[in-house]
Amino acid sequence: MAGSNLERLRQKKLQKEERWRKLRREKTMNGQDRKDLNVILERMDQADKDRDTMHTDIKFIKENLFNPHEGLWAETKLNSQHRVDTKKWRSVVGTGVVGLFVKHIYDMFS
């Protein structure tokens, strides 16, 4: 997949260079037009770099969220399982403590 991305970027770069050559041949430009064109080309290059950076960032976020063994999804599953397990023990221990308290009160009055 990385090879296809590199190939695609090379193709885009070649297309941009070809457009630049074509514009230079077709039309004579004054200094301001040339500056404007250079600014546009620079912004297009920066947009390509930003797009690649965003792709990498989104891939990193997606992996950290949905990785079934290490991501946030796995942590949420472990937390839910822990809550279910402690709920079982809490009811058993709570019943025992309440029973001991009632027995103690009963023994005090009898």
PDB file of N, CA and C in Angstrom:
ATOM      1  N   MET A   1       0.825  -1.186   0.000  1.00  0.00           N
ATOM      2  CA  MET A   1       0.000   0.000   0.000  1.00  0.00           C
ATOM      3  C   MET A   1       0.870   1.252   0.000  1.00  0.00           C
ATOM      4  N   ALA A   2       1.980   1.207   0.731  1.00  0.00           N
ATOM      5  CA  ALA A   2       2.861   2.364   0.769  1.00  0.00           C
ATOM      6  C   ALA A   2       3.481   2.606  -0.599  1.00  0.00           C
ATOM      7  N   GLY A   3       3.780   1.508  -1.327  1.00  0.00           N
ATOM      8  CA  GLY A   3       4.333   1.639  -2.664  1.00  0.00           C
ATOM      9  C   GLY A   3       3.368   2.329  -3.608  1.00  0.00           C
ATOM     10  N   SER A   4       2.095   1.988  -3.495  1.00  0.00           N
ATOM     11  CA  SER A   4       1.102   2.623  -4.362  1.00  0.00           C
ATOM     12  C   SER A   4       0.945   4.098  -4.013  1.00  0.00           C
ATOM     13  N   ASN A   5       1.061   4.446  -2.722  1.00  0.00           N
ATOM     14  CA  ASN A   5       0.983   5.856  -2.329  1.00  0.00           C
ATOM     15  C   ASN A   5       2.162   6.632  -2.889  1.00  0.00           C
ATOM     16  N   LEU A   6       3.350   6.030  -2.818  1.00  0.00           N
ATOM     17  CA  LEU A   6       4.524   6.716  -3.357  1.00  0.00           C
ATOM     18  C   LEU A   6       4.407   6.886  -4.868  1.00  0.00           C
ATOM     19  N   GLU A   7       3.933   5.852  -5.521  1.00  0.00           N
ATOM     20  CA  GLU A   7       3.768   5.933  -6.968  1.00  0.00           C
ATOM     21  C   GLU A   7       2.748   7.011  -7.338  1.00  0.00           C
ATOM     22  N   ARG A   8       1.670   7.080  -6.577  1.00  0.00           N
ATOM     23  CA  ARG A   8       0.647   8.087  -6.829  1.00  0.00           C
ATOM     24  C   ARG A   8       1.206   9.497  -6.622  1.00  0.00           C
ATOM     25  N   LEU A   9       2.017   9.673  -5.555  1.00  0.00           N
ATOM     26  CA  LEU A   9       2.617  10.980  -5.302  1.00  0.00           C
ATOM     27  C   LEU A   9       3.590  11.360  -6.419  1.00  0.00           C
ATOM     28  N   ARG A  10       4.347  10.381  -6.903  1.00  0.00           N
ATOM     29  CA  ARG A  10       5.266  10.658  -8.018  1.00  0.00           C
ATOM     30  C   ARG A  10       4.484  11.086  -9.255  1.00  0.00           C
ATOM     31  N   GLN A  11       3.374  10.410  -9.518  1.00  0.00           N
ATOM     32  CA  GLN A  11       2.559  10.768 -10.667  1.00  0.00           C
ATOM     33  C   GLN A  11       2.009  12.188 -10.534  1.00  0.00           C
ATOM     34  N   LYS A  12       1.545  12.529  -9.324  1.00  0.00           N
ATOM     35  CA  LYS A  12       1.027  13.885  -9.100  1.00  0.00           C
ATOM     36  C   LYS A  12       2.114  14.922  -9.329  1.00  0.00           C
ATOM     37  N   LYS A  13       3.311  14.626  -8.825  1.00  0.00           N
ATOM     38  CA  LYS A  13       4.408  15.564  -8.982  1.00  0.00           C
ATOM     39  C   LYS A  13       4.753  15.739 -10.457  1.00  0.00           C
ATOM     40  N   LEU A  14       4.791  14.636 -11.197  1.00  0.00           N
ATOM     41  CA  LEU A  14       5.071  14.734 -12.630  1.00  0.00           C
ATOM     42  C   LEU A  14       3.984  15.529 -13.355  1.00  0.00           C
ATOM     43  N   GLN A  15       2.732  15.326 -12.952  1.00  0.00           N
ATOM     44  CA  GLN A  15       1.642  16.069 -13.570  1.00  0.00           C
ATOM     45  C   GLN A  15       1.776  17.565 -13.286  1.00  0.00           C
ATOM     46  N   LYS A  16       2.143  17.902 -12.048  1.00  0.00           N
ATOM     47  CA  LYS A  16       2.322  19.319 -11.702  1.00  0.00           C
ATOM     48  C   LYS A  16       3.461  19.930 -12.511  1.00  0.00           C
ATOM     49  N   GLU A  17       4.565  19.196 -12.633  1.00  0.00           N
ATOM     50  CA  GLU A  17       5.690  19.710 -13.413  1.00  0.00           C
ATOM     51  C   GLU A  17       5.302  19.894 -14.875  1.00  0.00           C
ATOM     52  N   GLU A  18       4.535  18.949 -15.396  1.00  0.00           N
ATOM     53  CA  GLU A  18       4.100  19.052 -16.790  1.00  0.00           C
ATOM     54  C   GLU A  18       3.170  20.256 -16.982  1.00  0.00           C
ATOM     55  N   ARG A  19       2.278  20.476 -16.027  1.00  0.00           N
ATOM     56  CA  ARG A  19       1.392  21.651 -16.107  1.00  0.00           C
ATOM     57  C   ARG A  19       2.211  22.942 -16.087  1.00  0.00           C
ATOM     58  N   TRP A  20       3.234  22.968 -15.227  1.00  0.00           N
ATOM     59  CA  TRP A  20       4.081  24.153 -15.116  1.00  0.00           C
ATOM     60  C   TRP A  20       4.791  24.408 -16.447  1.00  0.00           C
ATOM     61  N   ARG A  21       5.349  23.359 -17.037  1.00  0.00           N
ATOM     62  CA  ARG A  21       6.033  23.516 -18.329  1.00  0.00           C
ATOM     63  C   ARG A  21       5.056  23.996 -19.408  1.00  0.00           C
ATOM     64  N   LYS A  22       3.869  23.418 -19.398  1.00  0.00           N
ATOM     65  CA  LYS A  22       2.871  23.785 -20.395  1.00  0.00           C
ATOM     66  C   LYS A  22       2.473  25.257 -20.251  1.00  0.00           C
ATOM     67  N   LEU A  23       2.287  25.702 -19.016  1.00  0.00           N
ATOM     68  CA  LEU A  23       1.943  27.107 -18.789  1.00  0.00           C
ATOM     69  C   LEU A  23       3.065  28.027 -19.242  1.00  0.00           C
ATOM     70  N   ARG A  24       4.283  27.628 -19.011  1.00  0.00           N
ATOM     71  CA  ARG A  24       5.418  28.459 -19.415  1.00  0.00           C
ATOM     72  C   ARG A  24       5.502  28.556 -20.931  1.00  0.00           C
ATOM     73  N   ARG A  25       5.172  27.461 -21.643  1.00  0.00           N
ATOM     74  CA  ARG A  25       5.235  27.477 -23.103  1.00  0.00           C
ATOM     75  C   ARG A  25       4.081  28.259 -23.717  1.00  0.00           C
ATOM     76  N   GLU A  26       2.878  28.098 -23.160  1.00  0.00           N
ATOM     77  CA  GLU A  26       1.688  28.682 -23.768  1.00  0.00           C
ATOM     78  C   GLU A  26       1.592  30.188 -23.583  1.00  0.00           C
ATOM     79  N   LYS A  27       2.024  30.656 -22.468  1.00  0.00           N
ATOM     80  CA  LYS A  27       1.736  32.041 -22.144  1.00  0.00           C
ATOM     81  C   LYS A  27       2.969  32.680 -21.517  1.00  0.00           C
ATOM     82  N   THR A  28       3.271  33.844 -21.967  1.00  0.00           N
ATOM     83  CA  THR A  28       4.336  34.578 -21.296  1.00  0.00           C
ATOM     84  C   THR A  28       3.721  35.284 -20.107  1.00  0.00           C
ATOM     85  N   MET A  29       4.397  35.179 -19.010  1.00  0.00           N
ATOM     86  CA  MET A  29       3.843  35.740 -17.777  1.00  0.00           C
ATOM     87  C   MET A  29       4.691  36.916 -17.330  1.00  0.00           C
ATOM     88  N   ASN A  30       4.019  37.853 -16.698  1.00  0.00           N
ATOM     89  CA  ASN A  30       4.767  38.925 -16.080  1.00  0.00           C
ATOM     90  C   ASN A  30       5.235  38.457 -14.701  1.00  0.00           C
ATOM     91  N   GLY A  31       5.956  39.268 -14.023  1.00  0.00           N
ATOM     92  CA  GLY A  31       6.540  38.883 -12.736  1.00  0.00           C
ATOM     93  C   GLY A  31       5.486  38.549 -11.686  1.00  0.00           C
ATOM     94  N   GLN A  32       4.401  39.316 -11.655  1.00  0.00           N
ATOM     95  CA  GLN A  32       3.363  39.081 -10.653  1.00  0.00           C
ATOM     96  C   GLN A  32       2.644  37.757 -10.904  1.00  0.00           C
ATOM     97  N   ASP A  33       2.364  37.453 -12.170  1.00  0.00           N
ATOM     98  CA  ASP A  33       1.719  36.177 -12.497  1.00  0.00           C
ATOM     99  C   ASP A  33       2.605  35.005 -12.081  1.00  0.00           C
ATOM    100  N   ARG A  34       3.891  35.135 -12.335  1.00  0.00           N
ATOM    101  CA  ARG A  34       4.832  34.075 -11.975  1.00  0.00           C
ATOM    102  C   ARG A  34       4.856  33.885 -10.454  1.00  0.00           C
ATOM    103  N   LYS A  35       4.847  34.986  -9.715  1.00  0.00           N
ATOM    104  CA  LYS A  35       4.836  34.893  -8.251  1.00  0.00           C
ATOM    105  C   LYS A  35       3.548  34.224  -7.766  1.00  0.00           C
ATOM    106  N   ASP A  36       2.438  34.639  -8.354  1.00  0.00           N
ATOM    107  CA  ASP A  36       1.153  34.045  -7.965  1.00  0.00           C
ATOM    108  C   ASP A  36       1.120  32.551  -8.260  1.00  0.00           C
ATOM    109  N   LEU A  37       1.635  32.174  -9.414  1.00  0.00           N
ATOM    110  CA  LEU A  37       1.670  30.755  -9.770  1.00  0.00           C
ATOM    111  C   LEU A  37       2.569  29.974  -8.814  1.00  0.00           C
ATOM    112  N   ASN A  38       3.695  30.550  -8.468  1.00  0.00           N
ATOM    113  CA  ASN A  38       4.588  29.881  -7.510  1.00  0.00           C
ATOM    114  C   ASN A  38       3.917  29.717  -6.148  1.00  0.00           C
ATOM    115  N   VAL A  39       3.179  30.740  -5.724  1.00  0.00           N
ATOM    116  CA  VAL A  39       2.460  30.639  -4.450  1.00  0.00           C
ATOM    117  C   VAL A  39       1.419  29.526  -4.518  1.00  0.00           C
ATOM    118  N   ILE A  40       0.693  29.453  -5.607  1.00  0.00           N
ATOM    119  CA  ILE A  40      -0.331  28.405  -5.759  1.00  0.00           C
ATOM    120  C   ILE A  40       0.307  27.027  -5.745  1.00  0.00           C
ATOM    121  N   LEU A  41       1.418  26.871  -6.478  1.00  0.00           N
ATOM    122  CA  LEU A  41       2.100  25.570  -6.502  1.00  0.00           C
ATOM    123  C   LEU A  41       2.643  25.193  -5.128  1.00  0.00           C
ATOM    124  N   GLU A  42       3.167  26.163  -4.407  1.00  0.00           N
ATOM    125  CA  GLU A  42       3.665  25.885  -3.053  1.00  0.00           C
ATOM    126  C   GLU A  42       2.528  25.450  -2.130  1.00  0.00           C
ATOM    127  N   ARG A  43       1.393  26.125  -2.255  1.00  0.00           N
ATOM    128  CA  ARG A  43       0.249  25.752  -1.426  1.00  0.00           C
ATOM    129  C   ARG A  43      -0.262  24.356  -1.777  1.00  0.00           C
ATOM    130  N   MET A  44      -0.224  24.007  -3.056  1.00  0.00           N
ATOM    131  CA  MET A  44      -0.634  22.661  -3.450  1.00  0.00           C
ATOM    132  C   MET A  44       0.320  21.612  -2.878  1.00  0.00           C
ATOM    133  N   ASP A  45       1.609  21.903  -2.909  1.00  0.00           N
ATOM    134  CA  ASP A  45       2.583  20.978  -2.325  1.00  0.00           C
ATOM    135  C   ASP A  45       2.360  20.840  -0.820  1.00  0.00           C
ATOM    136  N   GLN A  46       2.115  21.966  -0.163  1.00  0.00           N
ATOM    137  CA  GLN A  46       1.874  21.927   1.284  1.00  0.00           C
ATOM    138  C   GLN A  46       0.599  21.155   1.598  1.00  0.00           C
ATOM    139  N   ALA A  47      -0.426  21.309   0.756  1.00  0.00           N
ATOM    140  CA  ALA A  47      -1.673  20.560   0.976  1.00  0.00           C
ATOM    141  C   ALA A  47      -1.436  19.064   0.840  1.00  0.00           C
ATOM    142  N   ASP A  48      -0.592  18.653  -0.120  1.00  0.00           N
ATOM    143  CA  ASP A  48      -0.254  17.231  -0.259  1.00  0.00           C
ATOM    144  C   ASP A  48       0.460  16.717   0.981  1.00  0.00           C
ATOM    145  N   LYS A  49       1.397  17.494   1.492  1.00  0.00           N
ATOM    146  CA  LYS A  49       2.126  17.083   2.702  1.00  0.00           C
ATOM    147  C   LYS A  49       1.178  17.001   3.901  1.00  0.00           C
ATOM    148  N   ASP A  50       0.295  17.998   4.009  1.00  0.00           N
ATOM    149  CA  ASP A  50      -0.671  17.987   5.115  1.00  0.00           C
ATOM    150  C   ASP A  50      -1.609  16.793   5.014  1.00  0.00           C
ATOM    151  N   ARG A  51      -2.015  16.440   3.807  1.00  0.00           N
ATOM    152  CA  ARG A  51      -2.899  15.296   3.605  1.00  0.00           C
ATOM    153  C   ARG A  51      -2.204  14.004   4.051  1.00  0.00           C
ATOM    154  N   ASP A  52      -0.933  13.866   3.723  1.00  0.00           N
ATOM    155  CA  ASP A  52      -0.185  12.683   4.151  1.00  0.00           C
ATOM    156  C   ASP A  52      -0.048  12.637   5.674  1.00  0.00           C
ATOM    157  N   THR A  53       0.195  13.791   6.278  1.00  0.00           N
ATOM    158  CA  THR A  53       0.305  13.857   7.732  1.00  0.00           C
ATOM    159  C   THR A  53      -1.017  13.494   8.392  1.00  0.00           C
ATOM    160  N   MET A  54      -2.113  14.005   7.852  1.00  0.00           N
ATOM    161  CA  MET A  54      -3.427  13.681   8.407  1.00  0.00           C
ATOM    162  C   MET A  54      -3.728  12.196   8.266  1.00  0.00           C
ATOM    163  N   HIS A  55      -3.338  11.614   7.133  1.00  0.00           N
ATOM    164  CA  HIS A  55      -3.557  10.177   6.940  1.00  0.00           C
ATOM    165  C   HIS A  55      -2.804   9.383   8.007  1.00  0.00           C
ATOM    166  N   THR A  56      -1.568   9.765   8.268  1.00  0.00           N
ATOM    167  CA  THR A  56      -0.775   9.078   9.291  1.00  0.00           C
ATOM    168  C   THR A  56      -1.397   9.260  10.667  1.00  0.00           C
ATOM    169  N   ASP A  57      -1.854  10.470  10.982  1.00  0.00           N
ATOM    170  CA  ASP A  57      -2.466  10.736  12.282  1.00  0.00           C
ATOM    171  C   ASP A  57      -3.758   9.951  12.461  1.00  0.00           C
ATOM    172  N   ILE A  58      -4.583   9.925  11.431  1.00  0.00           N
ATOM    173  CA  ILE A  58      -5.856   9.201  11.517  1.00  0.00           C
ATOM    174  C   ILE A  58      -5.602   7.712  11.682  1.00  0.00           C
ATOM    175  N   LYS A  59      -4.596   7.202  10.989  1.00  0.00           N
ATOM    176  CA  LYS A  59      -4.248   5.784  11.106  1.00  0.00           C
ATOM    177  C   LYS A  59      -3.809   5.473  12.541  1.00  0.00           C
ATOM    178  N   PHE A  60      -3.008   6.360  13.124  1.00  0.00           N
ATOM    179  CA  PHE A  60      -2.536   6.179  14.505  1.00  0.00           C
ATOM    180  C   PHE A  60      -3.715   6.195  15.477  1.00  0.00           C
ATOM    181  N   ILE A  61      -4.626   7.139  15.318  1.00  0.00           N
ATOM    182  CA  ILE A  61      -5.785   7.245  16.207  1.00  0.00           C
ATOM    183  C   ILE A  61      -6.676   6.020  16.070  1.00  0.00           C
ATOM    184  N   LYS A  62      -6.928   5.611  14.840  1.00  0.00           N
ATOM    185  CA  LYS A  62      -7.777   4.450  14.601  1.00  0.00           C
ATOM    186  C   LYS A  62      -7.176   3.202  15.234  1.00  0.00           C
ATOM    187  N   GLU A  63      -5.867   3.044  15.113  1.00  0.00           N
ATOM    188  CA  GLU A  63      -5.211   1.879  15.694  1.00  0.00           C
ATOM    189  C   GLU A  63      -5.286   1.906  17.217  1.00  0.00           C
ATOM    190  N   ASN A  64      -5.109   3.079  17.809  1.00  0.00           N
ATOM    191  CA  ASN A  64      -5.163   3.169  19.267  1.00  0.00           C
ATOM    192  C   ASN A  64      -6.572   2.984  19.811  1.00  0.00           C
ATOM    193  N   LEU A  65      -7.577   3.362  19.055  1.00  0.00           N
ATOM    194  CA  LEU A  65      -8.946   3.208  19.525  1.00  0.00           C
ATOM    195  C   LEU A  65      -9.460   1.789  19.374  1.00  0.00           C
ATOM    196  N   PHE A  66      -9.232   1.211  18.203  1.00  0.00           N
ATOM    197  CA  PHE A  66      -9.930  -0.028  17.879  1.00  0.00           C
ATOM    198  C   PHE A  66      -9.055  -1.275  17.867  1.00  0.00           C
ATOM    199  N   ASN A  67      -7.803  -1.167  18.268  1.00  0.00           N
ATOM    200  CA  ASN A  67      -6.956  -2.351  18.346  1.00  0.00           C
ATOM    201  C   ASN A  67      -7.532  -3.270  19.422  1.00  0.00           C
ATOM    202  N   PRO A  68      -7.919  -4.523  19.069  1.00  0.00           N
ATOM    203  CA  PRO A  68      -8.627  -5.366  20.040  1.00  0.00           C
ATOM    204  C   PRO A  68      -7.765  -5.867  21.187  1.00  0.00           C
ATOM    205  N   HIS A  69      -6.455  -5.718  21.101  1.00  0.00           N
ATOM    206  CA  HIS A  69      -5.589  -6.240  22.156  1.00  0.00           C
ATOM    207  C   HIS A  69      -4.986  -5.150  23.025  1.00  0.00           C
ATOM    208  N   GLU A  70      -4.779  -3.954  22.471  1.00  0.00           N
ATOM    209  CA  GLU A  70      -4.104  -2.904  23.232  1.00  0.00           C
ATOM    210  C   GLU A  70      -4.835  -1.565  23.224  1.00  0.00           C
ATOM    211  N   GLY A  71      -5.814  -1.398  22.397  1.00  0.00           N
ATOM    212  CA  GLY A  71      -6.441  -0.091  22.222  1.00  0.00           C
ATOM    213  C   GLY A  71      -7.456   0.241  23.297  1.00  0.00           C
ATOM    214  N   LEU A  72      -8.104   1.369  23.109  1.00  0.00           N
ATOM    215  CA  LEU A  72      -9.119   1.843  24.039  1.00  0.00           C
ATOM    216  C   LEU A  72     -10.277   0.866  24.119  1.00  0.00           C
ATOM    217  N   TRP A  73     -10.591   0.224  23.010  1.00  0.00           N
ATOM    218  CA  TRP A  73     -11.662  -0.769  22.978  1.00  0.00           C
ATOM    219  C   TRP A  73     -11.360  -1.905  23.953  1.00  0.00           C
ATOM    220  N   ALA A  74     -10.114  -2.374  23.965  1.00  0.00           N
ATOM    221  CA  ALA A  74      -9.713  -3.458  24.868  1.00  0.00           C
ATOM    222  C   ALA A  74      -9.788  -3.008  26.323  1.00  0.00           C
ATOM    223  N   GLU A  75      -9.358  -1.776  26.590  1.00  0.00           N
ATOM    224  CA  GLU A  75      -9.424  -1.255  27.956  1.00  0.00           C
ATOM    225  C   GLU A  75     -10.872  -1.157  28.429  1.00  0.00           C
ATOM    226  N   THR A  76     -11.762  -0.731  27.549  1.00  0.00           N
ATOM    227  CA  THR A  76     -13.172  -0.619  27.912  1.00  0.00           C
ATOM    228  C   THR A  76     -13.760  -1.991  28.224  1.00  0.00           C
ATOM    229  N   LYS A  77     -13.395  -2.995  27.424  1.00  0.00           N
ATOM    230  CA  LYS A  77     -13.886  -4.348  27.684  1.00  0.00           C
ATOM    231  C   LYS A  77     -13.378  -4.864  29.028  1.00  0.00           C
ATOM    232  N   LEU A  78     -12.098  -4.619  29.335  1.00  0.00           N
ATOM    233  CA  LEU A  78     -11.547  -5.053  30.622  1.00  0.00           C
ATOM    234  C   LEU A  78     -12.230  -4.344  31.787  1.00  0.00           C
ATOM    235  N   ASN A  79     -12.484  -3.054  31.627  1.00  0.00           N
ATOM    236  CA  ASN A  79     -13.152  -2.296  32.683  1.00  0.00           C
ATOM    237  C   ASN A  79     -14.566  -2.822  32.900  1.00  0.00           C
ATOM    238  N   SER A  80     -15.281  -3.113  31.828  1.00  0.00           N
ATOM    239  CA  SER A  80     -16.637  -3.641  31.955  1.00  0.00           C
ATOM    240  C   SER A  80     -16.628  -5.005  32.641  1.00  0.00           C
ATOM    241  N   GLN A  81     -15.670  -5.847  32.281  1.00  0.00           N
ATOM    242  CA  GLN A  81     -15.567  -7.165  32.901  1.00  0.00           C
ATOM    243  C   GLN A  81     -15.251  -7.029  34.390  1.00  0.00           C
ATOM    244  N   HIS A  82     -14.374  -6.109  34.741  1.00  0.00           N
ATOM    245  CA  HIS A  82     -14.034  -5.877  36.147  1.00  0.00           C
ATOM    246  C   HIS A  82     -15.267  -5.424  36.939  1.00  0.00           C
ATOM    247  N   ARG A  83     -16.054  -4.543  36.341  1.00  0.00           N
ATOM    248  CA  ARG A  83     -17.264  -4.077  37.026  1.00  0.00           C
ATOM    249  C   ARG A  83     -18.256  -5.220  37.262  1.00  0.00           C
ATOM    250  N   VAL A  84     -18.401  -6.096  36.294  1.00  0.00           N
ATOM    251  CA  VAL A  84     -19.311  -7.235  36.451  1.00  0.00           C
ATOM    252  C   VAL A  84     -18.806  -8.145  37.566  1.00  0.00           C
ATOM    253  N   ASP A  85     -17.504  -8.415  37.572  1.00  0.00           N
ATOM    254  CA  ASP A  85     -16.930  -9.291  38.597  1.00  0.00           C
ATOM    255  C   ASP A  85     -17.071  -8.689  39.991  1.00  0.00           C
ATOM    256  N   THR A  86     -16.783  -7.395  40.145  1.00  0.00           N
ATOM    257  CA  THR A  86     -16.883  -6.783  41.472  1.00  0.00           C
ATOM    258  C   THR A  86     -18.329  -6.662  41.929  1.00  0.00           C
ATOM    259  N   LYS A  87     -19.246  -6.545  41.004  1.00  0.00           N
ATOM    260  CA  LYS A  87     -20.663  -6.456  41.372  1.00  0.00           C
ATOM    261  C   LYS A  87     -21.120  -7.754  42.030  1.00  0.00           C
ATOM    262  N   LYS A  88     -20.643  -8.887  41.500  1.00  0.00           N
ATOM    263  CA  LYS A  88     -20.990 -10.177  42.102  1.00  0.00           C
ATOM    264  C   LYS A  88     -20.469 -10.255  43.529  1.00  0.00           C
ATOM    265  N   TRP A  89     -19.209  -9.946  43.725  1.00  0.00           N
ATOM    266  CA  TRP A  89     -18.621 -10.038  45.063  1.00  0.00           C
ATOM    267  C   TRP A  89     -19.210  -9.004  46.012  1.00  0.00           C
ATOM    268  N   ARG A  90     -19.519  -7.830  45.499  1.00  0.00           N
ATOM    269  CA  ARG A  90     -20.080  -6.787  46.352  1.00  0.00           C
ATOM    270  C   ARG A  90     -21.411  -7.233  46.949  1.00  0.00           C
ATOM    271  N   SER A  91     -22.235  -7.896  46.174  1.00  0.00           N
ATOM    272  CA  SER A  91     -23.524  -8.335  46.706  1.00  0.00           C
ATOM    273  C   SER A  91     -23.337  -9.435  47.754  1.00  0.00           C
ATOM    274  N   VAL A  92     -22.397 -10.344  47.531  1.00  0.00           N
ATOM    275  CA  VAL A  92     -22.144 -11.421  48.496  1.00  0.00           C
ATOM    276  C   VAL A  92     -21.575 -10.849  49.791  1.00  0.00           C
ATOM    277  N   VAL A  93     -20.578  -9.995  49.686  1.00  0.00           N
ATOM    278  CA  VAL A  93     -19.958  -9.407  50.879  1.00  0.00           C
ATOM    279  C   VAL A  93     -20.952  -8.488  51.590  1.00  0.00           C
ATOM    280  N   GLY A  94     -21.715  -7.710  50.828  1.00  0.00           N
ATOM    281  CA  GLY A  94     -22.699  -6.817  51.443  1.00  0.00           C
ATOM    282  C   GLY A  94     -23.753  -7.580  52.219  1.00  0.00           C
ATOM    283  N   THR A  95     -24.222  -8.678  51.666  1.00  0.00           N
ATOM    284  CA  THR A  95     -25.205  -9.505  52.378  1.00  0.00           C
ATOM    285  C   THR A  95     -24.611 -10.058  53.665  1.00  0.00           C
ATOM    286  N   GLY A  96     -23.358 -10.491  53.610  1.00  0.00           N
ATOM    287  CA  GLY A  96     -22.692 -11.011  54.810  1.00  0.00           C
ATOM    288  C   GLY A  96     -22.537  -9.952  55.891  1.00  0.00           C
ATOM    289  N   VAL A  97     -22.141  -8.745  55.499  1.00  0.00           N
ATOM    290  CA  VAL A  97     -21.957  -7.662  56.473  1.00  0.00           C
ATOM    291  C   VAL A  97     -23.289  -7.275  57.089  1.00  0.00           C
ATOM    292  N   VAL A  98     -24.320  -7.156  56.278  1.00  0.00           N
ATOM    293  CA  VAL A  98     -25.646  -6.819  56.818  1.00  0.00           C
ATOM    294  C   VAL A  98     -26.129  -7.924  57.755  1.00  0.00           C
ATOM    295  N   GLY A  99     -25.890  -9.181  57.390  1.00  0.00           N
ATOM    296  CA  GLY A  99     -26.287 -10.305  58.257  1.00  0.00           C
ATOM    297  C   GLY A  99     -25.566 -10.256  59.592  1.00  0.00           C
ATOM    298  N   LEU A 100     -24.266  -9.973  59.576  1.00  0.00           N
ATOM    299  CA  LEU A 100     -23.517  -9.867  60.835  1.00  0.00           C
ATOM    300  C   LEU A 100     -24.008  -8.698  61.681  1.00  0.00           C
ATOM    301  N   PHE A 101     -24.336  -7.588  61.048  1.00  0.00           N
ATOM    302  CA  PHE A 101     -24.842  -6.429  61.778  1.00  0.00           C
ATOM    303  C   PHE A 101     -26.190  -6.749  62.449  1.00  0.00           C
ATOM    304  N   VAL A 102     -27.076  -7.396  61.710  1.00  0.00           N
ATOM    305  CA  VAL A 102     -28.377  -7.771  62.264  1.00  0.00           C
ATOM    306  C   VAL A 102     -28.199  -8.765  63.408  1.00  0.00           C
ATOM    307  N   LYS A 103     -27.283  -9.715  63.248  1.00  0.00           N
ATOM    308  CA  LYS A 103     -27.028 -10.704  64.309  1.00  0.00           C
ATOM    309  C   LYS A 103     -26.491 -10.005  65.552  1.00  0.00           C
ATOM    310  N   HIS A 104     -25.590  -9.039  65.355  1.00  0.00           N
ATOM    311  CA  HIS A 104     -25.029  -8.307  66.492  1.00  0.00           C
ATOM    312  C   HIS A 104     -26.127  -7.519  67.234  1.00  0.00           C
ATOM    313  N   ILE A 105     -26.976  -6.848  66.498  1.00  0.00           N
ATOM    314  CA  ILE A 105     -28.104  -6.102  67.109  1.00  0.00           C
ATOM    315  C   ILE A 105     -29.021  -7.085  67.851  1.00  0.00           C
ATOM    316  N   TYR A 106     -29.320  -8.196  67.239  1.00  0.00           N
ATOM    317  CA  TYR A 106     -30.211  -9.197  67.850  1.00  0.00           C
ATOM    318  C   TYR A 106     -29.602  -9.747  69.138  1.00  0.00           C
ATOM    319  N   ASP A 107     -28.262 -10.013  69.092  1.00  0.00           N
ATOM    320  CA  ASP A 107     -27.606 -10.514  70.295  1.00  0.00           C
ATOM    321  C   ASP A 107     -27.560  -9.473  71.420  1.00  0.00           C
ATOM    322  N   MET A 108     -27.526  -8.198  71.069  1.00  0.00           N
ATOM    323  CA  MET A 108     -27.493  -7.149  72.104  1.00  0.00           C
ATOM    324  C   MET A 108     -28.835  -7.097  72.847  1.00  0.00           C
ATOM    325  N   PHE A 109     -29.937  -7.316  72.178  1.00  0.00           N
ATOM    326  CA  PHE A 109     -31.230  -7.216  72.835  1.00  0.00           C
ATOM    327  C   PHE A 109     -31.730  -8.523  73.420  1.00  0.00           C
ATOM    328  N   SER A 110     -31.070  -9.612  73.123  1.00  0.00           N
ATOM    329  CA  SER A 110     -31.570 -10.871  73.694  1.00  0.00           C
ATOM    330  C   SER A 110     -30.665 -11.409  74.764  1.00  0.00           C
TER     331      SER A 110
END
